[in-house]
Amino acid sequence: MERENGEVVSAFMNAYIANGMERSHAQPGDLVLIQLLGKAKSQDGNQFNQYQVHVEKS
């Protein structure tokens, strides 16, 4: 993706982020904020990265 200042950026896409973008109907040109909230533990004790996805429609 190319930012307004010409800088090229990318993000690792996991299933949670992809689903969040799909639920928000993200389209090319929309602004997407992927916020890493830190590590969390599931009920069975496994650790995972916790994310929040925000989409601003263009």
N, C-alpha and C. Protein backbone atom coordinates (compact mmCIF):
# COMPACT_ATOMS: atom_id res chain seq x y z
N MET A 1 0.85 -1.16 0.00
CA MET A 1 0.00 0.00 0.00
C MET A 1 0.90 1.22 0.00
N GLU A 2 0.49 2.25 -0.69
CA GLU A 2 1.26 3.49 -0.74
C GLU A 2 0.53 4.58 0.02
N ARG A 3 1.24 5.22 0.95
CA ARG A 3 0.66 6.31 1.73
C ARG A 3 0.69 7.60 0.93
N GLU A 4 0.00 8.63 1.43
CA GLU A 4 -0.09 9.91 0.74
C GLU A 4 1.28 10.53 0.48
N ASN A 5 2.25 10.28 1.38
CA ASN A 5 3.58 10.86 1.21
C ASN A 5 4.48 10.00 0.32
N GLY A 6 3.93 8.94 -0.29
CA GLY A 6 4.68 8.09 -1.18
C GLY A 6 5.33 6.90 -0.49
N GLU A 7 5.28 6.84 0.84
CA GLU A 7 5.86 5.73 1.59
C GLU A 7 5.02 4.47 1.37
N VAL A 8 5.69 3.35 1.16
CA VAL A 8 5.00 2.08 0.97
C VAL A 8 5.01 1.32 2.29
N VAL A 9 3.84 0.84 2.71
CA VAL A 9 3.71 0.10 3.97
C VAL A 9 2.92 -1.18 3.72
N SER A 10 3.12 -2.15 4.61
CA SER A 10 2.35 -3.39 4.52
C SER A 10 2.09 -3.91 5.93
N ALA A 11 1.19 -4.87 6.05
CA ALA A 11 0.87 -5.46 7.35
C ALA A 11 0.64 -6.95 7.16
N PHE A 12 1.03 -7.72 8.17
CA PHE A 12 0.76 -9.15 8.16
C PHE A 12 -0.74 -9.36 8.32
N MET A 13 -1.31 -10.18 7.48
CA MET A 13 -2.75 -10.39 7.49
C MET A 13 -3.06 -11.75 8.08
N ASN A 14 -3.61 -11.77 9.31
CA ASN A 14 -4.06 -13.05 9.85
C ASN A 14 -5.58 -13.13 9.69
N ALA A 15 -6.16 -14.26 10.07
CA ALA A 15 -7.60 -14.47 9.87
C ALA A 15 -8.43 -13.45 10.63
N TYR A 16 -8.01 -13.09 11.85
CA TYR A 16 -8.78 -12.13 12.65
C TYR A 16 -8.83 -10.77 11.96
N ILE A 17 -7.68 -10.30 11.47
CA ILE A 17 -7.62 -8.99 10.79
C ILE A 17 -8.40 -9.04 9.48
N ALA A 18 -8.25 -10.12 8.72
CA ALA A 18 -8.98 -10.26 7.46
C ALA A 18 -10.49 -10.26 7.71
N ASN A 19 -10.94 -10.96 8.75
CA ASN A 19 -12.38 -10.99 9.07
C ASN A 19 -12.87 -9.62 9.51
N GLY A 20 -12.07 -8.90 10.30
CA GLY A 20 -12.46 -7.55 10.72
C GLY A 20 -12.61 -6.62 9.54
N MET A 21 -11.70 -6.72 8.58
CA MET A 21 -11.79 -5.88 7.39
C MET A 21 -13.00 -6.27 6.54
N GLU A 22 -13.28 -7.55 6.47
CA GLU A 22 -14.44 -8.02 5.70
C GLU A 22 -15.74 -7.54 6.35
N ARG A 23 -15.84 -7.64 7.69
CA ARG A 23 -17.05 -7.18 8.40
C ARG A 23 -17.26 -5.68 8.22
N SER A 24 -16.17 -4.95 8.08
CA SER A 24 -16.26 -3.49 7.89
C SER A 24 -16.39 -3.10 6.42
N HIS A 25 -16.43 -4.10 5.54
CA HIS A 25 -16.55 -3.87 4.10
C HIS A 25 -15.43 -2.98 3.58
N ALA A 26 -14.20 -3.23 4.03
CA ALA A 26 -13.04 -2.45 3.58
C ALA A 26 -12.82 -2.63 2.09
N GLN A 27 -12.56 -1.53 1.41
CA GLN A 27 -12.33 -1.51 -0.02
C GLN A 27 -11.02 -0.77 -0.30
N PRO A 28 -10.42 -0.99 -1.48
CA PRO A 28 -9.23 -0.21 -1.83
C PRO A 28 -9.51 1.28 -1.69
N GLY A 29 -8.59 1.99 -1.07
CA GLY A 29 -8.74 3.43 -0.85
C GLY A 29 -9.21 3.77 0.55
N ASP A 30 -9.79 2.80 1.28
CA ASP A 30 -10.20 3.04 2.66
C ASP A 30 -8.96 3.09 3.55
N LEU A 31 -9.05 3.83 4.64
CA LEU A 31 -7.97 3.87 5.61
C LEU A 31 -8.22 2.79 6.65
N VAL A 32 -7.19 2.00 6.94
CA VAL A 32 -7.32 0.89 7.88
C VAL A 32 -6.29 1.06 8.99
N LEU A 33 -6.76 1.03 10.23
CA LEU A 33 -5.89 1.07 11.40
C LEU A 33 -5.93 -0.31 12.04
N ILE A 34 -4.76 -0.94 12.15
CA ILE A 34 -4.63 -2.22 12.84
C ILE A 34 -3.86 -1.93 14.11
N GLN A 35 -4.53 -2.09 15.23
CA GLN A 35 -3.96 -1.72 16.52
C GLN A 35 -3.61 -3.00 17.29
N LEU A 36 -2.33 -3.16 17.64
CA LEU A 36 -1.89 -4.29 18.45
C LEU A 36 -2.10 -3.93 19.91
N LEU A 37 -2.95 -4.67 20.60
CA LEU A 37 -3.28 -4.38 21.98
C LEU A 37 -2.40 -5.14 22.97
N GLY A 38 -1.60 -6.06 22.48
CA GLY A 38 -0.70 -6.82 23.34
C GLY A 38 -1.08 -8.29 23.40
N LYS A 39 -0.41 -9.01 24.27
CA LYS A 39 -0.64 -10.44 24.43
C LYS A 39 -1.84 -10.68 25.35
N ALA A 40 -2.55 -11.75 25.07
CA ALA A 40 -3.67 -12.17 25.91
C ALA A 40 -3.61 -13.69 26.03
N LYS A 41 -4.33 -14.23 26.99
CA LYS A 41 -4.38 -15.68 27.18
C LYS A 41 -5.79 -16.18 26.95
N SER A 42 -5.90 -17.28 26.21
CA SER A 42 -7.20 -17.90 26.01
C SER A 42 -7.56 -18.70 27.25
N GLN A 43 -8.78 -19.20 27.30
CA GLN A 43 -9.24 -19.97 28.46
C GLN A 43 -8.42 -21.24 28.67
N ASP A 44 -7.87 -21.79 27.56
CA ASP A 44 -7.06 -23.01 27.70
C ASP A 44 -5.59 -22.70 27.97
N GLY A 45 -5.25 -21.42 28.18
CA GLY A 45 -3.90 -21.04 28.57
C GLY A 45 -2.97 -20.66 27.44
N ASN A 46 -3.41 -20.76 26.19
CA ASN A 46 -2.57 -20.37 25.05
C ASN A 46 -2.50 -18.86 24.94
N GLN A 47 -1.32 -18.34 24.59
CA GLN A 47 -1.16 -16.90 24.39
C GLN A 47 -1.41 -16.54 22.93
N PHE A 48 -1.94 -15.34 22.70
CA PHE A 48 -2.17 -14.85 21.35
C PHE A 48 -2.05 -13.33 21.36
N ASN A 49 -1.79 -12.76 20.19
CA ASN A 49 -1.78 -11.30 20.04
C ASN A 49 -3.21 -10.80 19.90
N GLN A 50 -3.53 -9.76 20.63
CA GLN A 50 -4.87 -9.18 20.58
C GLN A 50 -4.82 -7.93 19.70
N TYR A 51 -5.71 -7.87 18.69
CA TYR A 51 -5.76 -6.76 17.74
C TYR A 51 -7.11 -6.09 17.76
N GLN A 52 -7.13 -4.87 17.27
CA GLN A 52 -8.37 -4.16 17.01
C GLN A 52 -8.26 -3.57 15.61
N VAL A 53 -9.29 -3.69 14.80
CA VAL A 53 -9.28 -3.21 13.42
C VAL A 53 -10.32 -2.11 13.25
N HIS A 54 -9.88 -0.96 12.73
CA HIS A 54 -10.78 0.17 12.44
C HIS A 54 -10.67 0.49 10.96
N VAL A 55 -11.80 0.70 10.30
CA VAL A 55 -11.81 1.05 8.87
C VAL A 55 -12.53 2.38 8.71
N GLU A 56 -11.86 3.33 8.04
CA GLU A 56 -12.48 4.62 7.71
C GLU A 56 -12.72 4.62 6.21
N LYS A 57 -13.98 4.70 5.84
CA LYS A 57 -14.35 4.66 4.42
C LYS A 57 -13.86 5.92 3.70
N SER A 58 -13.38 5.72 2.48
CA SER A 58 -12.89 6.88 1.70
C SER A 58 -14.02 7.62 1.05
